[in-house]
ModelCIF file with pLDDT and N, C-alpha, C, O atoms, coordinates in Angstrom:
data_MODEL
#
_entry.id   MODEL 
#
_entity.id                         1 
_entity.type                       polymer 
_entity.pdbx_number_of_molecules   1 
#
_entity_poly.entity_id                      1 
_entity_poly.type                           'polypeptide(L)' 
_entity_poly.nstd_linkage                   no 
_entity_poly.nstd_monomer                   no 
_entity_poly.pdbx_seq_one_letter_code       LTAYTPWRFFNNKIVRALTRDDANTVWAGT 
_entity_poly.pdbx_seq_one_letter_code_can   LTAYTPWRFFNNKIVRALTRDDANTVWAGT 
_entity_poly.pdbx_strand_id                 A 
#
loop_
_entity_poly_seq.entity_id 
_entity_poly_seq.num 
_entity_poly_seq.mon_id 
_entity_poly_seq.hetero 
1 1  LEU n 
1 2  THR n 
1 3  ALA n 
1 4  TYR n 
1 5  THR n 
1 6  PRO n 
1 7  TRP n 
1 8  ARG n 
1 9  PHE n 
1 10 PHE n 
1 11 ASN n 
1 12 ASN n 
1 13 LYS n 
1 14 ILE n 
1 15 VAL n 
1 16 ARG n 
1 17 ALA n 
1 18 LEU n 
1 19 THR n 
1 20 ARG n 
1 21 ASP n 
1 22 ASP n 
1 23 ALA n 
1 24 ASN n 
1 25 THR n 
1 26 VAL n 
1 27 TRP n 
1 28 ALA n 
1 29 GLY n 
1 30 THR n 
#
_struct_asym.id          A 
_struct_asym.entity_id   1 
#
loop_
_ma_qa_metric.id 
_ma_qa_metric.mode 
_ma_qa_metric.name 
_ma_qa_metric.software_group_id 
_ma_qa_metric.type 
1 global pLDDT . pLDDT 
2 local  pLDDT . pLDDT 
#
_ma_qa_metric_global.metric_id      1 
_ma_qa_metric_global.metric_value   96.30 
_ma_qa_metric_global.model_id       1 
_ma_qa_metric_global.ordinal_id     1 
#
loop_
_ma_qa_metric_local.label_asym_id 
_ma_qa_metric_local.label_comp_id 
_ma_qa_metric_local.label_seq_id 
_ma_qa_metric_local.metric_id 
_ma_qa_metric_local.metric_value 
_ma_qa_metric_local.model_id 
_ma_qa_metric_local.ordinal_id 
A LEU 1  2 92.00 1 1  
A THR 2  2 95.00 1 2  
A ALA 3  2 97.00 1 3  
A TYR 4  2 97.00 1 4  
A THR 5  2 97.00 1 5  
A PRO 6  2 98.00 1 6  
A TRP 7  2 97.00 1 7  
A ARG 8  2 96.00 1 8  
A PHE 9  2 97.00 1 9  
A PHE 10 2 97.00 1 10 
A ASN 11 2 95.00 1 11 
A ASN 12 2 91.00 1 12 
A LYS 13 2 95.00 1 13 
A ILE 14 2 97.00 1 14 
A VAL 15 2 98.00 1 15 
A ARG 16 2 96.00 1 16 
A ALA 17 2 97.00 1 17 
A LEU 18 2 98.00 1 18 
A THR 19 2 98.00 1 19 
A ARG 20 2 97.00 1 20 
A ASP 21 2 97.00 1 21 
A ASP 22 2 96.00 1 22 
A ALA 23 2 95.00 1 23 
A ASN 24 2 95.00 1 24 
A THR 25 2 96.00 1 25 
A VAL 26 2 97.00 1 26 
A TRP 27 2 97.00 1 27 
A ALA 28 2 98.00 1 28 
A GLY 29 2 97.00 1 29 
A THR 30 2 96.00 1 30 
#
loop_
_atom_site.group_PDB 
_atom_site.id 
_atom_site.type_symbol 
_atom_site.label_atom_id 
_atom_site.label_alt_id 
_atom_site.label_comp_id 
_atom_site.label_asym_id 
_atom_site.label_entity_id 
_atom_site.label_seq_id 
_atom_site.pdbx_PDB_ins_code 
_atom_site.Cartn_x 
_atom_site.Cartn_y 
_atom_site.Cartn_z 
_atom_site.occupancy 
_atom_site.B_iso_or_equiv 
_atom_site.pdbx_formal_charge 
_atom_site.auth_seq_id 
_atom_site.auth_comp_id 
_atom_site.auth_asym_id 
_atom_site.auth_atom_id 
_atom_site.pdbx_PDB_model_num 
ATOM 1   N N  . LEU A 1 1  ? 0.817   -1.212  0.000   1.00 92.00 ? 1  LEU A N  1 
ATOM 2   C CA . LEU A 1 1  ? 0.000   0.000   0.000   1.00 92.00 ? 1  LEU A CA 1 
ATOM 3   C C  . LEU A 1 1  ? 0.854   1.267   0.000   1.00 92.00 ? 1  LEU A C  1 
ATOM 4   O O  . LEU A 1 1  ? 0.543   2.238   0.689   1.00 92.00 ? 1  LEU A O  1 
ATOM 5   N N  . THR A 1 2  ? 1.926   1.241   -0.777  1.00 95.00 ? 2  THR A N  1 
ATOM 6   C CA . THR A 1 2  ? 2.828   2.389   -0.844  1.00 95.00 ? 2  THR A CA 1 
ATOM 7   C C  . THR A 1 2  ? 2.846   3.063   -2.217  1.00 95.00 ? 2  THR A C  1 
ATOM 8   O O  . THR A 1 2  ? 3.398   4.154   -2.358  1.00 95.00 ? 2  THR A O  1 
ATOM 9   N N  . ALA A 1 3  ? 2.250   2.427   -3.232  1.00 97.00 ? 3  ALA A N  1 
ATOM 10  C CA . ALA A 1 3  ? 2.251   3.004   -4.577  1.00 97.00 ? 3  ALA A CA 1 
ATOM 11  C C  . ALA A 1 3  ? 1.002   2.531   -5.320  1.00 97.00 ? 3  ALA A C  1 
ATOM 12  O O  . ALA A 1 3  ? 0.394   1.524   -4.957  1.00 97.00 ? 3  ALA A O  1 
ATOM 13  N N  . TYR A 1 4  ? 0.635   3.265   -6.354  1.00 97.00 ? 4  TYR A N  1 
ATOM 14  C CA . TYR A 1 4  ? -0.534  2.874   -7.146  1.00 97.00 ? 4  TYR A CA 1 
ATOM 15  C C  . TYR A 1 4  ? -0.257  3.067   -8.633  1.00 97.00 ? 4  TYR A C  1 
ATOM 16  O O  . TYR A 1 4  ? 0.611   3.845   -9.028  1.00 97.00 ? 4  TYR A O  1 
ATOM 17  N N  . THR A 1 5  ? -1.019  2.338   -9.444  1.00 97.00 ? 5  THR A N  1 
ATOM 18  C CA . THR A 1 5  ? -0.931  2.431   -10.896 1.00 97.00 ? 5  THR A CA 1 
ATOM 19  C C  . THR A 1 5  ? -2.305  2.790   -11.432 1.00 97.00 ? 5  THR A C  1 
ATOM 20  O O  . THR A 1 5  ? -3.273  2.073   -11.179 1.00 97.00 ? 5  THR A O  1 
ATOM 21  N N  . PRO A 1 6  ? -2.408  3.902   -12.179 1.00 98.00 ? 6  PRO A N  1 
ATOM 22  C CA . PRO A 1 6  ? -3.701  4.218   -12.791 1.00 98.00 ? 6  PRO A CA 1 
ATOM 23  C C  . PRO A 1 6  ? -3.941  3.324   -14.004 1.00 98.00 ? 6  PRO A C  1 
ATOM 24  O O  . PRO A 1 6  ? -3.013  3.061   -14.769 1.00 98.00 ? 6  PRO A O  1 
ATOM 25  N N  . TRP A 1 7  ? -5.169  2.856   -14.188 1.00 97.00 ? 7  TRP A N  1 
ATOM 26  C CA . TRP A 1 7  ? -5.544  2.059   -15.358 1.00 97.00 ? 7  TRP A CA 1 
ATOM 27  C C  . TRP A 1 7  ? -6.027  3.049   -16.409 1.00 97.00 ? 7  TRP A C  1 
ATOM 28  O O  . TRP A 1 7  ? -7.116  3.610   -16.287 1.00 97.00 ? 7  TRP A O  1 
ATOM 29  N N  . ARG A 1 8  ? -5.210  3.263   -17.446 1.00 96.00 ? 8  ARG A N  1 
ATOM 30  C CA . ARG A 1 8  ? -5.410  4.352   -18.411 1.00 96.00 ? 8  ARG A CA 1 
ATOM 31  C C  . ARG A 1 8  ? -6.788  4.392   -19.052 1.00 96.00 ? 8  ARG A C  1 
ATOM 32  O O  . ARG A 1 8  ? -7.345  5.474   -19.238 1.00 96.00 ? 8  ARG A O  1 
ATOM 33  N N  . PHE A 1 9  ? -7.347  3.244   -19.392 1.00 97.00 ? 9  PHE A N  1 
ATOM 34  C CA . PHE A 1 9  ? -8.651  3.233   -20.047 1.00 97.00 ? 9  PHE A CA 1 
ATOM 35  C C  . PHE A 1 9  ? -9.705  3.949   -19.205 1.00 97.00 ? 9  PHE A C  1 
ATOM 36  O O  . PHE A 1 9  ? -10.638 4.536   -19.752 1.00 97.00 ? 9  PHE A O  1 
ATOM 37  N N  . PHE A 1 10 ? -9.566  3.907   -17.897 1.00 97.00 ? 10 PHE A N  1 
ATOM 38  C CA . PHE A 1 10 ? -10.570 4.464   -17.000 1.00 97.00 ? 10 PHE A CA 1 
ATOM 39  C C  . PHE A 1 10 ? -10.319 5.922   -16.637 1.00 97.00 ? 10 PHE A C  1 
ATOM 40  O O  . PHE A 1 10 ? -11.065 6.491   -15.840 1.00 97.00 ? 10 PHE A O  1 
ATOM 41  N N  . ASN A 1 11 ? -9.270  6.547   -17.211 1.00 95.00 ? 11 ASN A N  1 
ATOM 42  C CA . ASN A 1 11 ? -9.021  7.968   -16.965 1.00 95.00 ? 11 ASN A CA 1 
ATOM 43  C C  . ASN A 1 11 ? -10.264 8.773   -17.314 1.00 95.00 ? 11 ASN A C  1 
ATOM 44  O O  . ASN A 1 11 ? -10.893 8.540   -18.347 1.00 95.00 ? 11 ASN A O  1 
ATOM 45  N N  . ASN A 1 12 ? -10.612 9.709   -16.462 1.00 91.00 ? 12 ASN A N  1 
ATOM 46  C CA . ASN A 1 12 ? -11.754 10.611  -16.651 1.00 91.00 ? 12 ASN A CA 1 
ATOM 47  C C  . ASN A 1 12 ? -13.105 9.909   -16.612 1.00 91.00 ? 12 ASN A C  1 
ATOM 48  O O  . ASN A 1 12 ? -14.115 10.506  -16.983 1.00 91.00 ? 12 ASN A O  1 
ATOM 49  N N  . LYS A 1 13 ? -13.144 8.659   -16.174 1.00 95.00 ? 13 LYS A N  1 
ATOM 50  C CA . LYS A 1 13 ? -14.406 7.974   -15.934 1.00 95.00 ? 13 LYS A CA 1 
ATOM 51  C C  . LYS A 1 13 ? -14.600 7.899   -14.417 1.00 95.00 ? 13 LYS A C  1 
ATOM 52  O O  . LYS A 1 13 ? -13.657 7.617   -13.678 1.00 95.00 ? 13 LYS A O  1 
ATOM 53  N N  . ILE A 1 14 ? -15.797 8.147   -13.971 1.00 97.00 ? 14 ILE A N  1 
ATOM 54  C CA . ILE A 1 14 ? -16.088 8.013   -12.542 1.00 97.00 ? 14 ILE A CA 1 
ATOM 55  C C  . ILE A 1 14 ? -16.344 6.530   -12.271 1.00 97.00 ? 14 ILE A C  1 
ATOM 56  O O  . ILE A 1 14 ? -17.295 5.957   -12.803 1.00 97.00 ? 14 ILE A O  1 
ATOM 57  N N  . VAL A 1 15 ? -15.509 5.916   -11.454 1.00 98.00 ? 15 VAL A N  1 
ATOM 58  C CA . VAL A 1 15 ? -15.666 4.497   -11.112 1.00 98.00 ? 15 VAL A CA 1 
ATOM 59  C C  . VAL A 1 15 ? -16.442 4.424   -9.801  1.00 98.00 ? 15 VAL A C  1 
ATOM 60  O O  . VAL A 1 15 ? -15.943 4.805   -8.742  1.00 98.00 ? 15 VAL A O  1 
ATOM 61  N N  . ARG A 1 16 ? -17.683 3.922   -9.897  1.00 96.00 ? 16 ARG A N  1 
ATOM 62  C CA . ARG A 1 16 ? -18.576 3.902   -8.735  1.00 96.00 ? 16 ARG A CA 1 
ATOM 63  C C  . ARG A 1 16 ? -18.670 2.546   -8.058  1.00 96.00 ? 16 ARG A C  1 
ATOM 64  O O  . ARG A 1 16 ? -18.960 2.469   -6.865  1.00 96.00 ? 16 ARG A O  1 
ATOM 65  N N  . ALA A 1 17 ? -18.428 1.475   -8.806  1.00 97.00 ? 17 ALA A N  1 
ATOM 66  C CA . ALA A 1 17 ? -18.602 0.142   -8.231  1.00 97.00 ? 17 ALA A CA 1 
ATOM 67  C C  . ALA A 1 17 ? -17.531 -0.804  -8.760  1.00 97.00 ? 17 ALA A C  1 
ATOM 68  O O  . ALA A 1 17 ? -17.138 -0.726  -9.925  1.00 97.00 ? 17 ALA A O  1 
ATOM 69  N N  . LEU A 1 18 ? -17.067 -1.692  -7.895  1.00 98.00 ? 18 LEU A N  1 
ATOM 70  C CA . LEU A 1 18 ? -16.092 -2.726  -8.264  1.00 98.00 ? 18 LEU A CA 1 
ATOM 71  C C  . LEU A 1 18 ? -16.572 -4.057  -7.710  1.00 98.00 ? 18 LEU A C  1 
ATOM 72  O O  . LEU A 1 18 ? -17.036 -4.133  -6.573  1.00 98.00 ? 18 LEU A O  1 
ATOM 73  N N  . THR A 1 19 ? -16.459 -5.103  -8.517  1.00 98.00 ? 19 THR A N  1 
ATOM 74  C CA . THR A 1 19 ? -16.825 -6.436  -8.059  1.00 98.00 ? 19 THR A CA 1 
ATOM 75  C C  . THR A 1 19 ? -15.993 -7.468  -8.814  1.00 98.00 ? 19 THR A C  1 
ATOM 76  O O  . THR A 1 19 ? -15.335 -7.146  -9.803  1.00 98.00 ? 19 THR A O  1 
ATOM 77  N N  . ARG A 1 20 ? -16.029 -8.695  -8.343  1.00 97.00 ? 20 ARG A N  1 
ATOM 78  C CA . ARG A 1 20 ? -15.313 -9.804  -8.973  1.00 97.00 ? 20 ARG A CA 1 
ATOM 79  C C  . ARG A 1 20 ? -16.322 -10.922 -9.211  1.00 97.00 ? 20 ARG A C  1 
ATOM 80  O O  . ARG A 1 20 ? -17.124 -11.233 -8.331  1.00 97.00 ? 20 ARG A O  1 
ATOM 81  N N  . ASP A 1 21 ? -16.286 -11.532 -10.408 1.00 97.00 ? 21 ASP A N  1 
ATOM 82  C CA . ASP A 1 21 ? -17.222 -12.620 -10.694 1.00 97.00 ? 21 ASP A CA 1 
ATOM 83  C C  . ASP A 1 21 ? -16.596 -13.976 -10.390 1.00 97.00 ? 21 ASP A C  1 
ATOM 84  O O  . ASP A 1 21 ? -15.465 -14.053 -9.909  1.00 97.00 ? 21 ASP A O  1 
ATOM 85  N N  . ASP A 1 22 ? -17.339 -15.044 -10.673 1.00 96.00 ? 22 ASP A N  1 
ATOM 86  C CA . ASP A 1 22 ? -16.874 -16.407 -10.376 1.00 96.00 ? 22 ASP A CA 1 
ATOM 87  C C  . ASP A 1 22 ? -15.625 -16.795 -11.158 1.00 96.00 ? 22 ASP A C  1 
ATOM 88  O O  . ASP A 1 22 ? -14.879 -17.678 -10.734 1.00 96.00 ? 22 ASP A O  1 
ATOM 89  N N  . ALA A 1 23 ? -15.392 -16.143 -12.298 1.00 95.00 ? 23 ALA A N  1 
ATOM 90  C CA . ALA A 1 23 ? -14.209 -16.431 -13.116 1.00 95.00 ? 23 ALA A CA 1 
ATOM 91  C C  . ALA A 1 23 ? -13.014 -15.568 -12.696 1.00 95.00 ? 23 ALA A C  1 
ATOM 92  O O  . ALA A 1 23 ? -11.977 -15.583 -13.359 1.00 95.00 ? 23 ALA A O  1 
ATOM 93  N N  . ASN A 1 24 ? -13.154 -14.820 -11.599 1.00 95.00 ? 24 ASN A N  1 
ATOM 94  C CA . ASN A 1 24 ? -12.119 -13.950 -11.047 1.00 95.00 ? 24 ASN A CA 1 
ATOM 95  C C  . ASN A 1 24 ? -11.866 -12.702 -11.900 1.00 95.00 ? 24 ASN A C  1 
ATOM 96  O O  . ASN A 1 24 ? -10.819 -12.068 -11.772 1.00 95.00 ? 24 ASN A O  1 
ATOM 97  N N  . THR A 1 25 ? -12.810 -12.352 -12.759 1.00 96.00 ? 25 THR A N  1 
ATOM 98  C CA . THR A 1 25 ? -12.723 -11.121 -13.535 1.00 96.00 ? 25 THR A CA 1 
ATOM 99  C C  . THR A 1 25 ? -13.198 -9.967  -12.664 1.00 96.00 ? 25 THR A C  1 
ATOM 100 O O  . THR A 1 25 ? -14.238 -10.056 -12.012 1.00 96.00 ? 25 THR A O  1 
ATOM 101 N N  . VAL A 1 26 ? -12.426 -8.880  -12.657 1.00 97.00 ? 26 VAL A N  1 
ATOM 102 C CA . VAL A 1 26 ? -12.825 -7.680  -11.932 1.00 97.00 ? 26 VAL A CA 1 
ATOM 103 C C  . VAL A 1 26 ? -13.642 -6.816  -12.890 1.00 97.00 ? 26 VAL A C  1 
ATOM 104 O O  . VAL A 1 26 ? -13.251 -6.616  -14.039 1.00 97.00 ? 26 VAL A O  1 
ATOM 105 N N  . TRP A 1 27 ? -14.778 -6.306  -12.412 1.00 97.00 ? 27 TRP A N  1 
ATOM 106 C CA . TRP A 1 27 ? -15.682 -5.470  -13.190 1.00 97.00 ? 27 TRP A CA 1 
ATOM 107 C C  . TRP A 1 27 ? -15.779 -4.096  -12.552 1.00 97.00 ? 27 TRP A C  1 
ATOM 108 O O  . TRP A 1 27 ? -15.843 -3.968  -11.329 1.00 97.00 ? 27 TRP A O  1 
ATOM 109 N N  . ALA A 1 28 ? -15.790 -3.055  -13.403 1.00 98.00 ? 28 ALA A N  1 
ATOM 110 C CA . ALA A 1 28 ? -15.922 -1.681  -12.927 1.00 98.00 ? 28 ALA A CA 1 
ATOM 111 C C  . ALA A 1 28 ? -17.194 -1.063  -13.478 1.00 98.00 ? 28 ALA A C  1 
ATOM 112 O O  . ALA A 1 28 ? -17.392 -1.009  -14.692 1.00 98.00 ? 28 ALA A O  1 
ATOM 113 N N  . GLY A 1 29 ? -18.058 -0.596  -12.580 1.00 97.00 ? 29 GLY A N  1 
ATOM 114 C CA . GLY A 1 29 ? -19.232 0.171   -12.961 1.00 97.00 ? 29 GLY A CA 1 
ATOM 115 C C  . GLY A 1 29 ? -18.842 1.637   -12.986 1.00 97.00 ? 29 GLY A C  1 
ATOM 116 O O  . GLY A 1 29 ? -18.398 2.182   -11.975 1.00 97.00 ? 29 GLY A O  1 
ATOM 117 N N  . THR A 1 30 ? -19.005 2.281   -14.141 1.00 96.00 ? 30 THR A N  1 
ATOM 118 C CA . THR A 1 30 ? -18.509 3.639   -14.322 1.00 96.00 ? 30 THR A CA 1 
ATOM 119 C C  . THR A 1 30 ? -19.600 4.593   -14.792 1.00 96.00 ? 30 THR A C  1 
ATOM 120 O O  . THR A 1 30 ? -19.338 5.779   -14.991 1.00 96.00 ? 30 THR A O  1 
#
């Protein structure tokens, strides 16, 4: 918890929700 990496595709998108499905895919509600 000392550094972070921005995920470029999501720049300027408001990320409101994060979840993980049964296949371990992370989903972002924006």
